[in-house]
All heavy atoms as atom14 arrays in JSON, in Angstrom:
{
  "sequence": "LLTRAGAQLPPDWATLGGGRPPAAEAAPQSGSPPA",
  "atom14_mask": [
    [1, 1, 1, 1, 1, 1, 1, 1, 0, 0, 0, 0, 0, 0],
    [1, 1, 1, 1, 1, 1, 1, 1, 0, 0, 0, 0, 0, 0],
    [1, 1, 1, 1, 1, 1, 1, 0, 0, 0, 0, 0, 0, 0],
    [1, 1, 1, 1, 1, 1, 1, 1, 1, 1, 1, 0, 0, 0],
    [1, 1, 1, 1, 1, 0, 0, 0, 0, 0, 0, 0, 0, 0],
    [1, 1, 1, 1, 0, 0, 0, 0, 0, 0, 0, 0, 0, 0],
    [1, 1, 1, 1, 1, 0, 0, 0, 0, 0, 0, 0, 0, 0],
    [1, 1, 1, 1, 1, 1, 1, 1, 1, 0, 0, 0, 0, 0],
    [1, 1, 1, 1, 1, 1, 1, 1, 0, 0, 0, 0, 0, 0],
    [1, 1, 1, 1, 1, 1, 1, 0, 0, 0, 0, 0, 0, 0],
    [1, 1, 1, 1, 1, 1, 1, 0, 0, 0, 0, 0, 0, 0],
    [1, 1, 1, 1, 1, 1, 1, 1, 0, 0, 0, 0, 0, 0],
    [1, 1, 1, 1, 1, 1, 1, 1, 1, 1, 1, 1, 1, 1],
    [1, 1, 1, 1, 1, 0, 0, 0, 0, 0, 0, 0, 0, 0],
    [1, 1, 1, 1, 1, 1, 1, 0, 0, 0, 0, 0, 0, 0],
    [1, 1, 1, 1, 1, 1, 1, 1, 0, 0, 0, 0, 0, 0],
    [1, 1, 1, 1, 0, 0, 0, 0, 0, 0, 0, 0, 0, 0],
    [1, 1, 1, 1, 0, 0, 0, 0, 0, 0, 0, 0, 0, 0],
    [1, 1, 1, 1, 0, 0, 0, 0, 0, 0, 0, 0, 0, 0],
    [1, 1, 1, 1, 1, 1, 1, 1, 1, 1, 1, 0, 0, 0],
    [1, 1, 1, 1, 1, 1, 1, 0, 0, 0, 0, 0, 0, 0],
    [1, 1, 1, 1, 1, 1, 1, 0, 0, 0, 0, 0, 0, 0],
    [1, 1, 1, 1, 1, 0, 0, 0, 0, 0, 0, 0, 0, 0],
    [1, 1, 1, 1, 1, 0, 0, 0, 0, 0, 0, 0, 0, 0],
    [1, 1, 1, 1, 1, 1, 1, 1, 1, 0, 0, 0, 0, 0],
    [1, 1, 1, 1, 1, 0, 0, 0, 0, 0, 0, 0, 0, 0],
    [1, 1, 1, 1, 1, 0, 0, 0, 0, 0, 0, 0, 0, 0],
    [1, 1, 1, 1, 1, 1, 1, 0, 0, 0, 0, 0, 0, 0],
    [1, 1, 1, 1, 1, 1, 1, 1, 1, 0, 0, 0, 0, 0],
    [1, 1, 1, 1, 1, 1, 0, 0, 0, 0, 0, 0, 0, 0],
    [1, 1, 1, 1, 0, 0, 0, 0, 0, 0, 0, 0, 0, 0],
    [1, 1, 1, 1, 1, 1, 0, 0, 0, 0, 0, 0, 0, 0],
    [1, 1, 1, 1, 1, 1, 1, 0, 0, 0, 0, 0, 0, 0],
    [1, 1, 1, 1, 1, 1, 1, 0, 0, 0, 0, 0, 0, 0],
    [1, 1, 1, 1, 1, 0, 0, 0, 0, 0, 0, 0, 0, 0]
  ],
  "atom14_positions": [
    [[117.37, 99.42, 93.71], [117.0, 99.52, 92.29], [115.85, 100.49, 92.08], [115.89, 101.33, 91.17], [116.62, 98.13, 91.76], [117.76, 97.15, 91.52], [117.19, 95.76, 91.22], [118.65, 97.61, 90.36], [0.0, 0.0, 0.0], [0.0, 0.0, 0.0], [0.0, 0.0, 0.0], [0.0, 0.0, 0.0], [0.0, 0.0, 0.0], [0.0, 0.0, 0.0]],
    [[114.82, 100.38, 92.93], [113.63, 101.22, 92.76], [113.9, 102.69, 93.03], [113.18, 103.55, 92.52], [112.51, 100.72, 93.67], [111.85, 99.41, 93.25], [110.97, 98.87, 94.39], [111.01, 99.61, 91.99], [0.0, 0.0, 0.0], [0.0, 0.0, 0.0], [0.0, 0.0, 0.0], [0.0, 0.0, 0.0], [0.0, 0.0, 0.0], [0.0, 0.0, 0.0]],
    [[114.92, 102.99, 93.84], [115.21, 104.38, 94.19], [116.48, 104.89, 93.53], [116.96, 105.97, 93.88], [115.34, 104.54, 95.72], [116.46, 103.79, 96.19], [114.07, 104.07, 96.43], [0.0, 0.0, 0.0], [0.0, 0.0, 0.0], [0.0, 0.0, 0.0], [0.0, 0.0, 0.0], [0.0, 0.0, 0.0], [0.0, 0.0, 0.0], [0.0, 0.0, 0.0]],
    [[117.02, 104.11, 92.58], [118.25, 104.51, 91.89], [119.35, 104.82, 92.88], [119.96, 105.89, 92.88], [117.98, 105.7, 90.96], [116.93, 105.41, 89.89], [116.6, 106.63, 89.07], [115.47, 106.37, 88.18], [114.84, 107.3, 87.47], [115.23, 108.57, 87.57], [113.83, 106.98, 86.68], [0.0, 0.0, 0.0], [0.0, 0.0, 0.0], [0.0, 0.0, 0.0]],
    [[119.55, 103.86, 93.77], [120.6, 103.94, 94.8], [120.41, 105.16, 95.71], [121.39, 105.76, 96.17], [121.98, 103.93, 94.18], [0.0, 0.0, 0.0], [0.0, 0.0, 0.0], [0.0, 0.0, 0.0], [0.0, 0.0, 0.0], [0.0, 0.0, 0.0], [0.0, 0.0, 0.0], [0.0, 0.0, 0.0], [0.0, 0.0, 0.0], [0.0, 0.0, 0.0]],
    [[119.16, 105.49, 95.99], [118.88, 106.58, 96.91], [118.71, 107.93, 96.25], [118.53, 108.94, 96.94], [0.0, 0.0, 0.0], [0.0, 0.0, 0.0], [0.0, 0.0, 0.0], [0.0, 0.0, 0.0], [0.0, 0.0, 0.0], [0.0, 0.0, 0.0], [0.0, 0.0, 0.0], [0.0, 0.0, 0.0], [0.0, 0.0, 0.0], [0.0, 0.0, 0.0]],
    [[118.71, 107.97, 94.92], [118.55, 109.24, 94.21], [117.1, 109.71, 94.19], [116.83, 110.87, 93.85], [119.07, 109.12, 92.78], [0.0, 0.0, 0.0], [0.0, 0.0, 0.0], [0.0, 0.0, 0.0], [0.0, 0.0, 0.0], [0.0, 0.0, 0.0], [0.0, 0.0, 0.0], [0.0, 0.0, 0.0], [0.0, 0.0, 0.0], [0.0, 0.0, 0.0]],
    [[116.16, 108.82, 94.5], [114.77, 109.22, 94.65], [114.15, 108.45, 95.8], [114.73, 107.46, 96.28], [113.98, 109.0, 93.36], [113.92, 107.57, 92.89], [113.2, 107.44, 91.54], [113.29, 108.32, 90.67], [112.48, 106.34, 91.36], [0.0, 0.0, 0.0], [0.0, 0.0, 0.0], [0.0, 0.0, 0.0], [0.0, 0.0, 0.0], [0.0, 0.0, 0.0]],
    [[113.0, 108.89, 96.27], [112.35, 108.28, 97.42], [111.68, 106.96, 97.04], [111.32, 106.74, 95.88], [111.31, 109.22, 98.01], [111.84, 110.5, 98.65], [110.67, 111.35, 99.15], [112.8, 110.21, 99.79], [0.0, 0.0, 0.0], [0.0, 0.0, 0.0], [0.0, 0.0, 0.0], [0.0, 0.0, 0.0], [0.0, 0.0, 0.0], [0.0, 0.0, 0.0]],
    [[111.47, 106.08, 98.01], [110.71, 104.86, 97.75], [109.28, 105.19, 97.35], [108.62, 106.01, 98.01], [110.74, 104.11, 99.09], [111.86, 104.72, 99.85], [111.94, 106.14, 99.4], [0.0, 0.0, 0.0], [0.0, 0.0, 0.0], [0.0, 0.0, 0.0], [0.0, 0.0, 0.0], [0.0, 0.0, 0.0], [0.0, 0.0, 0.0], [0.0, 0.0, 0.0]],
    [[108.76, 104.59, 96.29], [107.39, 104.88, 95.88], [106.38, 104.14, 96.76], [106.71, 103.15, 97.4], [107.35, 104.35, 94.44], [108.32, 103.2, 94.46], [109.43, 103.63, 95.4], [0.0, 0.0, 0.0], [0.0, 0.0, 0.0], [0.0, 0.0, 0.0], [0.0, 0.0, 0.0], [0.0, 0.0, 0.0], [0.0, 0.0, 0.0], [0.0, 0.0, 0.0]],
    [[105.16, 104.63, 96.75], [104.09, 103.91, 97.44], [103.89, 102.53, 96.84], [103.65, 101.55, 97.55], [102.78, 104.69, 97.34], [102.76, 105.95, 98.19], [103.5, 106.01, 99.18], [102.01, 106.88, 97.85], [0.0, 0.0, 0.0], [0.0, 0.0, 0.0], [0.0, 0.0, 0.0], [0.0, 0.0, 0.0], [0.0, 0.0, 0.0], [0.0, 0.0, 0.0]],
    [[103.96, 102.45, 95.52], [103.71, 101.2, 94.79], [104.8, 100.98, 93.76], [105.37, 101.94, 93.24], [102.35, 101.27, 94.07], [101.18, 101.23, 94.99], [100.61, 102.28, 95.62], [100.43, 100.07, 95.38], [99.55, 101.86, 96.39], [99.42, 100.51, 96.26], [100.52, 98.72, 95.06], [98.5, 99.63, 96.84], [99.6, 97.84, 95.63], [98.62, 98.29, 96.5]],
    [[105.06, 99.71, 93.47], [106.04, 99.37, 92.44], [105.76, 97.96, 91.93], [104.96, 97.22, 92.5], [107.46, 99.46, 93.0], [0.0, 0.0, 0.0], [0.0, 0.0, 0.0], [0.0, 0.0, 0.0], [0.0, 0.0, 0.0], [0.0, 0.0, 0.0], [0.0, 0.0, 0.0], [0.0, 0.0, 0.0], [0.0, 0.0, 0.0], [0.0, 0.0, 0.0]],
    [[106.43, 97.6, 90.83], [106.33, 96.24, 90.3], [107.72, 95.65, 90.15], [108.69, 96.37, 89.84], [105.61, 96.22, 88.93], [106.26, 97.13, 88.03], [104.15, 96.61, 89.08], [0.0, 0.0, 0.0], [0.0, 0.0, 0.0], [0.0, 0.0, 0.0], [0.0, 0.0, 0.0], [0.0, 0.0, 0.0], [0.0, 0.0, 0.0], [0.0, 0.0, 0.0]],
    [[107.81, 94.35, 90.36], [109.06, 93.6, 90.22], [108.78, 92.34, 89.41], [107.75, 91.7, 89.58], [109.61, 93.2, 91.58], [110.03, 94.31, 92.56], [110.33, 93.71, 93.92], [111.25, 95.05, 92.02], [0.0, 0.0, 0.0], [0.0, 0.0, 0.0], [0.0, 0.0, 0.0], [0.0, 0.0, 0.0], [0.0, 0.0, 0.0], [0.0, 0.0, 0.0]],
    [[109.72, 91.96, 88.55], [109.6, 90.69, 87.82], [108.66, 90.77, 86.65], [108.32, 91.85, 86.16], [0.0, 0.0, 0.0], [0.0, 0.0, 0.0], [0.0, 0.0, 0.0], [0.0, 0.0, 0.0], [0.0, 0.0, 0.0], [0.0, 0.0, 0.0], [0.0, 0.0, 0.0], [0.0, 0.0, 0.0], [0.0, 0.0, 0.0], [0.0, 0.0, 0.0]],
    [[108.25, 89.6, 86.18], [107.35, 89.54, 85.04], [108.01, 89.94, 83.74], [107.34, 90.35, 82.79], [0.0, 0.0, 0.0], [0.0, 0.0, 0.0], [0.0, 0.0, 0.0], [0.0, 0.0, 0.0], [0.0, 0.0, 0.0], [0.0, 0.0, 0.0], [0.0, 0.0, 0.0], [0.0, 0.0, 0.0], [0.0, 0.0, 0.0], [0.0, 0.0, 0.0]],
    [[109.35, 89.83, 83.69], [110.06, 90.18, 82.47], [110.24, 91.67, 82.25], [110.64, 92.11, 81.17], [0.0, 0.0, 0.0], [0.0, 0.0, 0.0], [0.0, 0.0, 0.0], [0.0, 0.0, 0.0], [0.0, 0.0, 0.0], [0.0, 0.0, 0.0], [0.0, 0.0, 0.0], [0.0, 0.0, 0.0], [0.0, 0.0, 0.0], [0.0, 0.0, 0.0]],
    [[109.97, 92.47, 83.29], [110.12, 93.92, 83.18], [111.11, 94.43, 84.22], [111.25, 93.85, 85.29], [108.77, 94.61, 83.4], [107.65, 94.13, 82.49], [106.36, 94.85, 82.86], [105.19, 94.23, 82.25], [103.95, 94.59, 82.51], [103.71, 95.56, 83.38], [102.93, 93.98, 81.92], [0.0, 0.0, 0.0], [0.0, 0.0, 0.0], [0.0, 0.0, 0.0]],
    [[111.76, 95.56, 83.95], [112.65, 96.14, 84.97], [111.83, 96.59, 86.17], [110.65, 96.96, 86.03], [113.26, 97.35, 84.24], [113.03, 97.12, 82.8], [111.78, 96.31, 82.69], [0.0, 0.0, 0.0], [0.0, 0.0, 0.0], [0.0, 0.0, 0.0], [0.0, 0.0, 0.0], [0.0, 0.0, 0.0], [0.0, 0.0, 0.0], [0.0, 0.0, 0.0]],
    [[112.4, 96.59, 87.37], [111.69, 97.14, 88.53], [111.27, 98.58, 88.26], [112.04, 99.37, 87.7], [112.74, 97.07, 89.64], [113.69, 96.01, 89.21], [113.74, 96.09, 87.72], [0.0, 0.0, 0.0], [0.0, 0.0, 0.0], [0.0, 0.0, 0.0], [0.0, 0.0, 0.0], [0.0, 0.0, 0.0], [0.0, 0.0, 0.0], [0.0, 0.0, 0.0]],
    [[110.04, 98.91, 88.61], [109.54, 100.24, 88.28], [108.57, 100.75, 89.32], [107.74, 100.0, 89.83], [108.83, 100.21, 86.91], [0.0, 0.0, 0.0], [0.0, 0.0, 0.0], [0.0, 0.0, 0.0], [0.0, 0.0, 0.0], [0.0, 0.0, 0.0], [0.0, 0.0, 0.0], [0.0, 0.0, 0.0], [0.0, 0.0, 0.0], [0.0, 0.0, 0.0]],
    [[108.69, 102.06, 89.64], [107.7, 102.73, 90.48], [106.4, 102.82, 89.72], [106.38, 102.99, 88.49], [108.19, 104.12, 90.86], [0.0, 0.0, 0.0], [0.0, 0.0, 0.0], [0.0, 0.0, 0.0], [0.0, 0.0, 0.0], [0.0, 0.0, 0.0], [0.0, 0.0, 0.0], [0.0, 0.0, 0.0], [0.0, 0.0, 0.0], [0.0, 0.0, 0.0]],
    [[105.28, 102.7, 90.43], [103.96, 102.73, 89.81], [103.07, 103.71, 90.57], [103.29, 104.0, 91.75], [103.32, 101.34, 89.84], [104.1, 100.27, 89.08], [103.93, 100.38, 87.58], [102.97, 101.05, 87.15], [104.76, 99.81, 86.85], [0.0, 0.0, 0.0], [0.0, 0.0, 0.0], [0.0, 0.0, 0.0], [0.0, 0.0, 0.0], [0.0, 0.0, 0.0]],
    [[102.06, 104.2, 89.88], [101.04, 105.0, 90.55], [100.17, 104.09, 91.41], [100.09, 102.87, 91.16], [100.18, 105.73, 89.52], [0.0, 0.0, 0.0], [0.0, 0.0, 0.0], [0.0, 0.0, 0.0], [0.0, 0.0, 0.0], [0.0, 0.0, 0.0], [0.0, 0.0, 0.0], [0.0, 0.0, 0.0], [0.0, 0.0, 0.0], [0.0, 0.0, 0.0]],
    [[99.57, 104.63, 92.44], [98.63, 103.85, 93.24], [97.5, 103.35, 92.35], [97.06, 104.07, 91.44], [98.08, 104.7, 94.37], [0.0, 0.0, 0.0], [0.0, 0.0, 0.0], [0.0, 0.0, 0.0], [0.0, 0.0, 0.0], [0.0, 0.0, 0.0], [0.0, 0.0, 0.0], [0.0, 0.0, 0.0], [0.0, 0.0, 0.0], [0.0, 0.0, 0.0]],
    [[97.02, 102.12, 92.57], [95.95, 101.57, 91.74], [94.76, 102.52, 91.63], [94.27, 103.04, 92.64], [95.58, 100.27, 92.46], [96.82, 99.88, 93.18], [97.45, 101.18, 93.6], [0.0, 0.0, 0.0], [0.0, 0.0, 0.0], [0.0, 0.0, 0.0], [0.0, 0.0, 0.0], [0.0, 0.0, 0.0], [0.0, 0.0, 0.0], [0.0, 0.0, 0.0]],
    [[94.33, 102.76, 90.41], [93.13, 103.56, 90.11], [93.23, 105.01, 90.57], [92.23, 105.7, 90.69], [91.89, 102.91, 90.75], [91.66, 101.48, 90.27], [90.47, 100.83, 90.96], [90.04, 101.25, 92.03], [89.94, 99.79, 90.33], [0.0, 0.0, 0.0], [0.0, 0.0, 0.0], [0.0, 0.0, 0.0], [0.0, 0.0, 0.0], [0.0, 0.0, 0.0]],
    [[94.45, 105.49, 90.81], [94.59, 106.88, 91.28], [94.7, 107.87, 90.13], [94.25, 109.02, 90.25], [95.84, 107.01, 92.16], [97.02, 106.91, 91.38], [0.0, 0.0, 0.0], [0.0, 0.0, 0.0], [0.0, 0.0, 0.0], [0.0, 0.0, 0.0], [0.0, 0.0, 0.0], [0.0, 0.0, 0.0], [0.0, 0.0, 0.0], [0.0, 0.0, 0.0]],
    [[95.32, 107.46, 89.04], [95.53, 108.38, 87.93], [96.61, 109.4, 88.19], [96.86, 110.28, 87.36], [0.0, 0.0, 0.0], [0.0, 0.0, 0.0], [0.0, 0.0, 0.0], [0.0, 0.0, 0.0], [0.0, 0.0, 0.0], [0.0, 0.0, 0.0], [0.0, 0.0, 0.0], [0.0, 0.0, 0.0], [0.0, 0.0, 0.0], [0.0, 0.0, 0.0]],
    [[97.29, 109.3, 89.33], [98.35, 110.24, 89.69], [99.71, 109.64, 89.37], [99.85, 108.41, 89.27], [98.29, 110.57, 91.18], [97.02, 111.09, 91.52], [0.0, 0.0, 0.0], [0.0, 0.0, 0.0], [0.0, 0.0, 0.0], [0.0, 0.0, 0.0], [0.0, 0.0, 0.0], [0.0, 0.0, 0.0], [0.0, 0.0, 0.0], [0.0, 0.0, 0.0]],
    [[100.74, 110.46, 89.21], [102.08, 109.91, 89.0], [102.58, 109.21, 90.26], [102.07, 109.46, 91.36], [102.91, 111.15, 88.67], [102.17, 112.29, 89.29], [100.72, 111.93, 89.18], [0.0, 0.0, 0.0], [0.0, 0.0, 0.0], [0.0, 0.0, 0.0], [0.0, 0.0, 0.0], [0.0, 0.0, 0.0], [0.0, 0.0, 0.0], [0.0, 0.0, 0.0]],
    [[103.58, 108.34, 90.14], [104.15, 107.69, 91.32], [104.61, 108.72, 92.35], [105.15, 109.77, 91.99], [105.33, 106.89, 90.76], [104.98, 106.65, 89.33], [104.24, 107.88, 88.89], [0.0, 0.0, 0.0], [0.0, 0.0, 0.0], [0.0, 0.0, 0.0], [0.0, 0.0, 0.0], [0.0, 0.0, 0.0], [0.0, 0.0, 0.0], [0.0, 0.0, 0.0]],
    [[104.37, 108.41, 93.62], [104.73, 109.33, 94.69], [105.1, 108.53, 95.93], [104.96, 107.31, 95.98], [103.57, 110.28, 94.99], [0.0, 0.0, 0.0], [0.0, 0.0, 0.0], [0.0, 0.0, 0.0], [0.0, 0.0, 0.0], [0.0, 0.0, 0.0], [0.0, 0.0, 0.0], [0.0, 0.0, 0.0], [0.0, 0.0, 0.0], [0.0, 0.0, 0.0]]
  ]
}
């Protein structure tokens, strides 16, 4: 789910659950896009 069936790389950070779709996240306090 997080990589769209392999269409993108696994992110360093992500979130699951909490009523939201699984999503790649930026590293905490980095201010950079997910990588």
